C-alpha atoms as a PDB file:
ATOM      1  CA  UNK A   1      15.092  18.230  45.116  1.00  0.00           C
ATOM      2  CA  UNK A   2      18.256  16.370  45.893  1.00  0.00           C
ATOM      3  CA  UNK A   3      16.659  12.868  44.862  1.00  0.00           C
ATOM      4  CA  UNK A   4      15.569  14.244  41.700  1.00  0.00           C
ATOM      5  CA  UNK A   5      19.096  15.735  41.012  1.00  0.00           C
ATOM      6  CA  UNK A   6      20.603  12.417  41.535  1.00  0.00           C
ATOM      7  CA  UNK A   7      18.517  10.218  39.789  1.00  0.00           C
ATOM      8  CA  UNK A   8      18.979  12.644  36.810  1.00  0.00           C
ATOM      9  CA  UNK A   9      22.692  12.545  37.159  1.00  0.00           C
ATOM     10  CA  UNK A  10      22.485   8.499  37.352  1.00  0.00           C
ATOM     11  CA  UNK A  11      20.288   8.437  34.180  1.00  0.00           C
ATOM     12  CA  UNK A  12      22.681  10.829  32.318  1.00  0.00           C
ATOM     13  CA  UNK A  13      25.885   8.566  33.403  1.00  0.00           C
ATOM     14  CA  UNK A  14      24.202   5.033  32.938  1.00  0.00           C
ATOM     15  CA  UNK A  15      23.155   6.395  29.099  1.00  0.00           C
ATOM     16  CA  UNK A  16      25.382   4.562  26.626  1.00  0.00           C
ATOM     17  CA  UNK A  17      28.306   6.856  25.182  1.00  0.00           C
ATOM     18  CA  UNK A  18      26.802   5.935  21.784  1.00  0.00           C
ATOM     19  CA  UNK A  19      23.728   7.505  22.500  1.00  0.00           C
ATOM     20  CA  UNK A  20      25.248  10.772  22.912  1.00  0.00           C
ATOM     21  CA  UNK A  21      27.032  10.435  19.865  1.00  0.00           C
ATOM     22  CA  UNK A  22      23.907   9.592  17.868  1.00  0.00           C
ATOM     23  CA  UNK A  23      22.114  12.864  19.413  1.00  0.00           C
ATOM     24  CA  UNK A  24      24.789  15.099  18.315  1.00  0.00           C
ATOM     25  CA  UNK A  25      24.788  13.752  15.129  1.00  0.00           C
ATOM     26  CA  UNK A  26      21.007  14.035  14.447  1.00  0.00           C
ATOM     27  CA  UNK A  27      21.036  17.395  16.052  1.00  0.00           C
ATOM     28  CA  UNK A  28      23.922  18.654  13.286  1.00  0.00           C
ATOM     29  CA  UNK A  29      21.611  17.100  10.585  1.00  0.00           C
ATOM     30  CA  UNK A  30      18.685  19.476  12.243  1.00  0.00           C
ATOM     31  CA  UNK A  31      21.173  22.280  12.426  1.00  0.00           C
ATOM     32  CA  UNK A  32      22.604  22.145   8.916  1.00  0.00           C
ATOM     33  CA  UNK A  33      18.800  22.125   7.573  1.00  0.00           C
ATOM     34  CA  UNK A  34      18.123  25.568   8.681  1.00  0.00           C
ATOM     35  CA  UNK A  35      20.506  26.549   5.480  1.00  0.00           C
ATOM     36  CA  UNK A  36      19.478  26.018   1.964  1.00  0.00           C
ATOM     37  CA  UNK A  37      21.149  23.021   0.603  1.00  0.00           C
ATOM     38  CA  UNK A  38      21.682  20.976  -2.651  1.00  0.00           C
ATOM     39  CA  UNK A  39      21.717  17.116  -2.163  1.00  0.00           C
ATOM     40  CA  UNK A  40      21.090  13.991  -3.957  1.00  0.00           C
ATOM     41  CA  UNK A  41      18.202  12.116  -4.199  1.00  0.00           C
ATOM     42  CA  UNK A  42      19.617   9.521  -2.257  1.00  0.00           C
ATOM     43  CA  UNK A  43      20.887  11.275   0.572  1.00  0.00           C
ATOM     44  CA  UNK A  44      17.130  12.931   1.126  1.00  0.00           C
ATOM     45  CA  UNK A  45      15.951   9.128   2.012  1.00  0.00           C
ATOM     46  CA  UNK A  46      18.987   8.044   4.559  1.00  0.00           C
ATOM     47  CA  UNK A  47      17.439   9.679   7.746  1.00  0.00           C
ATOM     48  CA  UNK A  48      13.979   8.492   6.647  1.00  0.00           C
ATOM     49  CA  UNK A  49      15.097   5.006   5.903  1.00  0.00           C
ATOM     50  CA  UNK A  50      16.413   4.508   9.369  1.00  0.00           C
ATOM     51  CA  UNK A  51      13.358   6.290  10.905  1.00  0.00           C
ATOM     52  CA  UNK A  52      11.549   3.791   9.080  1.00  0.00           C
ATOM     53  CA  UNK A  53      13.725   0.879  10.222  1.00  0.00           C
ATOM     54  CA  UNK A  54      13.258   2.251  13.860  1.00  0.00           C
ATOM     55  CA  UNK A  55       9.740   2.601  13.767  1.00  0.00           C
ATOM     56  CA  UNK A  56       9.321  -1.139  12.613  1.00  0.00           C
ATOM     57  CA  UNK A  57      11.583  -2.318  15.108  1.00  0.00           C
ATOM     58  CA  UNK A  58       9.361  -0.381  18.004  1.00  0.00           C
ATOM     59  CA  UNK A  59       6.192  -1.852  16.488  1.00  0.00           C
ATOM     60  CA  UNK A  60       7.837  -5.359  16.862  1.00  0.00           C
ATOM     61  CA  UNK A  61       8.634  -5.097  20.244  1.00  0.00           C
ATOM     62  CA  UNK A  62       5.389  -3.306  21.408  1.00  0.00           C
ATOM     63  CA  UNK A  63       3.507  -6.792  21.253  1.00  0.00           C
ATOM     64  CA  UNK A  64       0.319  -7.831  19.723  1.00  0.00           C
ATOM     65  CA  UNK A  65      -1.695  -4.832  19.950  1.00  0.00           C
ATOM     66  CA  UNK A  66       1.102  -2.904  18.070  1.00  0.00           C
ATOM     67  CA  UNK A  67      -0.520  -2.816  14.346  1.00  0.00           C
ATOM     68  CA  UNK A  68      -3.589  -1.237  15.439  1.00  0.00           C
ATOM     69  CA  UNK A  69      -1.904   1.746  17.193  1.00  0.00           C
ATOM     70  CA  UNK A  70       0.982   1.969  14.802  1.00  0.00           C
ATOM     71  CA  UNK A  71      -0.488   1.865  11.511  1.00  0.00           C
ATOM     72  CA  UNK A  72      -3.316   4.937  12.256  1.00  0.00           C
ATOM     73  CA  UNK A  73      -0.520   6.742  13.965  1.00  0.00           C
ATOM     74  CA  UNK A  74       1.826   6.480  10.913  1.00  0.00           C
ATOM     75  CA  UNK A  75      -1.151   7.752   8.349  1.00  0.00           C
ATOM     76  CA  UNK A  76      -2.003  10.546  10.514  1.00  0.00           C
ATOM     77  CA  UNK A  77       1.756  11.610  11.443  1.00  0.00           C
ATOM     78  CA  UNK A  78       2.564  11.135   7.751  1.00  0.00           C
ATOM     79  CA  UNK A  79      -0.522  13.156   6.343  1.00  0.00           C
ATOM     80  CA  UNK A  80       0.407  15.940   8.479  1.00  0.00           C
ATOM     81  CA  UNK A  81       4.198  15.680   7.542  1.00  0.00           C
ATOM     82  CA  UNK A  82       2.942  15.765   4.070  1.00  0.00           C
ATOM     83  CA  UNK A  83       0.728  18.862   4.594  1.00  0.00           C
ATOM     84  CA  UNK A  84       3.904  20.621   6.244  1.00  0.00           C
ATOM     85  CA  UNK A  85       6.097  20.400   3.446  1.00  0.00           C
ATOM     86  CA  UNK A  86       5.257  23.888   1.410  1.00  0.00           C
ATOM     87  CA  UNK A  87       5.178  23.898  -1.977  1.00  0.00           C
ATOM     88  CA  UNK A  88       8.609  25.276  -2.841  1.00  0.00           C
ATOM     89  CA  UNK A  89      10.646  24.075  -0.005  1.00  0.00           C
ATOM     90  CA  UNK A  90      12.365  21.524  -2.675  1.00  0.00           C
ATOM     91  CA  UNK A  91      13.163  22.126  -6.104  1.00  0.00           C
ATOM     92  CA  UNK A  92      14.620  19.623  -8.714  1.00  0.00           C
ATOM     93  CA  UNK A  93      17.580  20.743 -10.257  1.00  0.00           C
ATOM     94  CA  UNK A  94      18.869  19.903 -13.952  1.00  0.00           C
ATOM     95  CA  UNK A  95      21.625  17.953 -12.808  1.00  0.00           C
ATOM     96  CA  UNK A  96      19.221  15.862 -10.745  1.00  0.00           C
ATOM     97  CA  UNK A  97      19.846  16.956  -7.219  1.00  0.00           C
ATOM     98  CA  UNK A  98      17.478  18.399  -5.068  1.00  0.00           C
ATOM     99  CA  UNK A  99      17.685  22.063  -3.679  1.00  0.00           C
ATOM    100  CA  UNK A 100      16.197  22.125  -0.358  1.00  0.00           C
ATOM    101  CA  UNK A 101      15.218  25.381   1.177  1.00  0.00           C
ATOM    102  CA  UNK A 102      16.273  26.185   4.716  1.00  0.00           C
ATOM    103  CA  UNK A 103      13.804  25.644   7.693  1.00  0.00           C
ATOM    104  CA  UNK A 104      13.953  25.010  11.232  1.00  0.00           C
ATOM    105  CA  UNK A 105      11.164  22.292  11.611  1.00  0.00           C
ATOM    106  CA  UNK A 106      13.674  19.492  10.949  1.00  0.00           C
ATOM    107  CA  UNK A 107      15.335  20.509  13.898  1.00  0.00           C
ATOM    108  CA  UNK A 108      12.223  21.179  16.219  1.00  0.00           C
ATOM    109  CA  UNK A 109      11.213  17.683  14.937  1.00  0.00           C
ATOM    110  CA  UNK A 110      14.248  15.706  15.933  1.00  0.00           C
ATOM    111  CA  UNK A 111      14.653  17.370  19.199  1.00  0.00           C
ATOM    112  CA  UNK A 112      11.110  16.469  20.008  1.00  0.00           C
ATOM    113  CA  UNK A 113      11.479  12.880  18.697  1.00  0.00           C
ATOM    114  CA  UNK A 114      14.915  12.673  20.379  1.00  0.00           C
ATOM    115  CA  UNK A 115      13.505  13.875  23.664  1.00  0.00           C
ATOM    116  CA  UNK A 116      10.358  11.409  23.679  1.00  0.00           C
ATOM    117  CA  UNK A 117      12.712   8.181  22.709  1.00  0.00           C
ATOM    118  CA  UNK A 118      14.865   8.903  25.383  1.00  0.00           C
ATOM    119  CA  UNK A 119      12.338   9.487  27.964  1.00  0.00           C
ATOM    120  CA  UNK A 120      10.413   6.210  26.662  1.00  0.00           C
ATOM    121  CA  UNK A 121      13.919   4.569  27.348  1.00  0.00           C
ATOM    122  CA  UNK A 122      14.747   6.000  30.685  1.00  0.00           C
ATOM    123  CA  UNK A 123      11.252   5.497  32.477  1.00  0.00           C
ATOM    124  CA  UNK A 124      11.206   1.788  32.176  1.00  0.00           C
ATOM    125  CA  UNK A 125      14.634   1.847  33.369  1.00  0.00           C
ATOM    126  CA  UNK A 126      13.829   3.824  36.463  1.00  0.00           C
ATOM    127  CA  UNK A 127      10.570   2.003  37.023  1.00  0.00           C
ATOM    128  CA  UNK A 128      10.447  -1.827  35.364  1.00  0.00           C
ATOM    129  CA  UNK A 129       7.253  -2.484  36.098  1.00  0.00           C
ATOM    130  CA  UNK A 130       6.321   0.493  33.704  1.00  0.00           C
ATOM    131  CA  UNK A 131       7.932  -1.662  30.746  1.00  0.00           C
ATOM    132  CA  UNK A 132       5.805  -4.436  31.228  1.00  0.00           C
ATOM    133  CA  UNK A 133       2.392  -2.704  30.854  1.00  0.00           C
ATOM    134  CA  UNK A 134       0.619  -2.692  27.580  1.00  0.00           C
ATOM    135  CA  UNK A 135      -0.552   0.926  27.849  1.00  0.00           C
ATOM    136  CA  UNK A 136       2.982   2.025  28.312  1.00  0.00           C
ATOM    137  CA  UNK A 137       4.198  -0.012  25.536  1.00  0.00           C
ATOM    138  CA  UNK A 138       1.335   0.992  23.079  1.00  0.00           C
ATOM    139  CA  UNK A 139       1.435   4.476  24.294  1.00  0.00           C
ATOM    140  CA  UNK A 140       5.087   5.185  23.544  1.00  0.00           C
ATOM    141  CA  UNK A 141       4.739   3.365  20.207  1.00  0.00           C
ATOM    142  CA  UNK A 142       1.776   5.658  19.286  1.00  0.00           C
ATOM    143  CA  UNK A 143       3.702   8.735  20.141  1.00  0.00           C
ATOM    144  CA  UNK A 144       6.885   7.716  18.814  1.00  0.00           C
ATOM    145  CA  UNK A 145       5.413   6.531  15.151  1.00  0.00           C
ATOM    146  CA  UNK A 146       3.373   9.678  14.978  1.00  0.00           C
ATOM    147  CA  UNK A 147       6.099  11.823  15.367  1.00  0.00           C
ATOM    148  CA  UNK A 148       8.301   9.735  13.068  1.00  0.00           C
ATOM    149  CA  UNK A 149       5.803   9.567  10.529  1.00  0.00           C
ATOM    150  CA  UNK A 150       6.247  13.463  10.352  1.00  0.00           C
ATOM    151  CA  UNK A 151       9.392  13.300   8.705  1.00  0.00           C
ATOM    152  CA  UNK A 152       8.513  10.315   6.689  1.00  0.00           C
ATOM    153  CA  UNK A 153       5.520  12.344   5.230  1.00  0.00           C
ATOM    154  CA  UNK A 154       7.331  15.261   4.686  1.00  0.00           C
ATOM    155  CA  UNK A 155      10.285  12.912   2.596  1.00  0.00           C
ATOM    156  CA  UNK A 156       7.099  11.718   0.807  1.00  0.00           C
ATOM    157  CA  UNK A 157       6.104  14.930  -0.317  1.00  0.00           C
ATOM    158  CA  UNK A 158       9.751  16.116  -1.268  1.00  0.00           C
ATOM    159  CA  UNK A 159       9.712  12.932  -3.296  1.00  0.00           C
ATOM    160  CA  UNK A 160       6.467  13.760  -5.080  1.00  0.00           C
ATOM    161  CA  UNK A 161       8.045  17.328  -5.984  1.00  0.00           C
ATOM    162  CA  UNK A 162      11.071  15.246  -7.444  1.00  0.00           C
ATOM    163  CA  UNK A 163       8.837  12.888  -9.627  1.00  0.00           C
ATOM    164  CA  UNK A 164       6.677  15.269 -10.532  1.00  0.00           C
ATOM    165  CA  UNK A 165       8.573  18.227 -11.805  1.00  0.00           C
ATOM    166  CA  UNK A 166      10.918  18.927 -14.574  1.00  0.00           C
ATOM    167  CA  UNK A 167      14.304  20.037 -13.552  1.00  0.00           C
ATOM    168  CA  UNK A 168      14.290  23.532 -12.842  1.00  0.00           C
ATOM    169  CA  UNK A 169      17.130  26.007 -13.915  1.00  0.00           C
ATOM    170  CA  UNK A 170      20.132  26.339 -11.546  1.00  0.00           C
END
């Protein structure tokens, strides 16, 4: 038990401080999504844009088999995310803004994505041989991409609502 505690403490201490700041900011966004909010359409695109860039960078770093893993994960996660966004979860307002109904799934999803990405970064640091195995790289890419694509699919459904609907009365 002592070895486990000392390993966990070493992992926490050696995690760069900016990572904790990033995690705090993302969790803050998740908590804010639990309440209804009115946002401009560009703001709806910020986090998914960052996630798309992160997914592409992960795919580039995963090696030659990456597209064969990432593309199906992206499609499956995106489809599930699309289906998770229910009718009425977002509403286009007359001033071009978007009303987003409060929900808890963004917080849950962000927590899981952060935990998976953190574990995927820490495990090879603890066991460097793990980082060199294609199964590890492609497996973490599969899970990470599918989880990230959930958010991208939900955002695509919100954009569909925005583009397909006439502005509703406030």
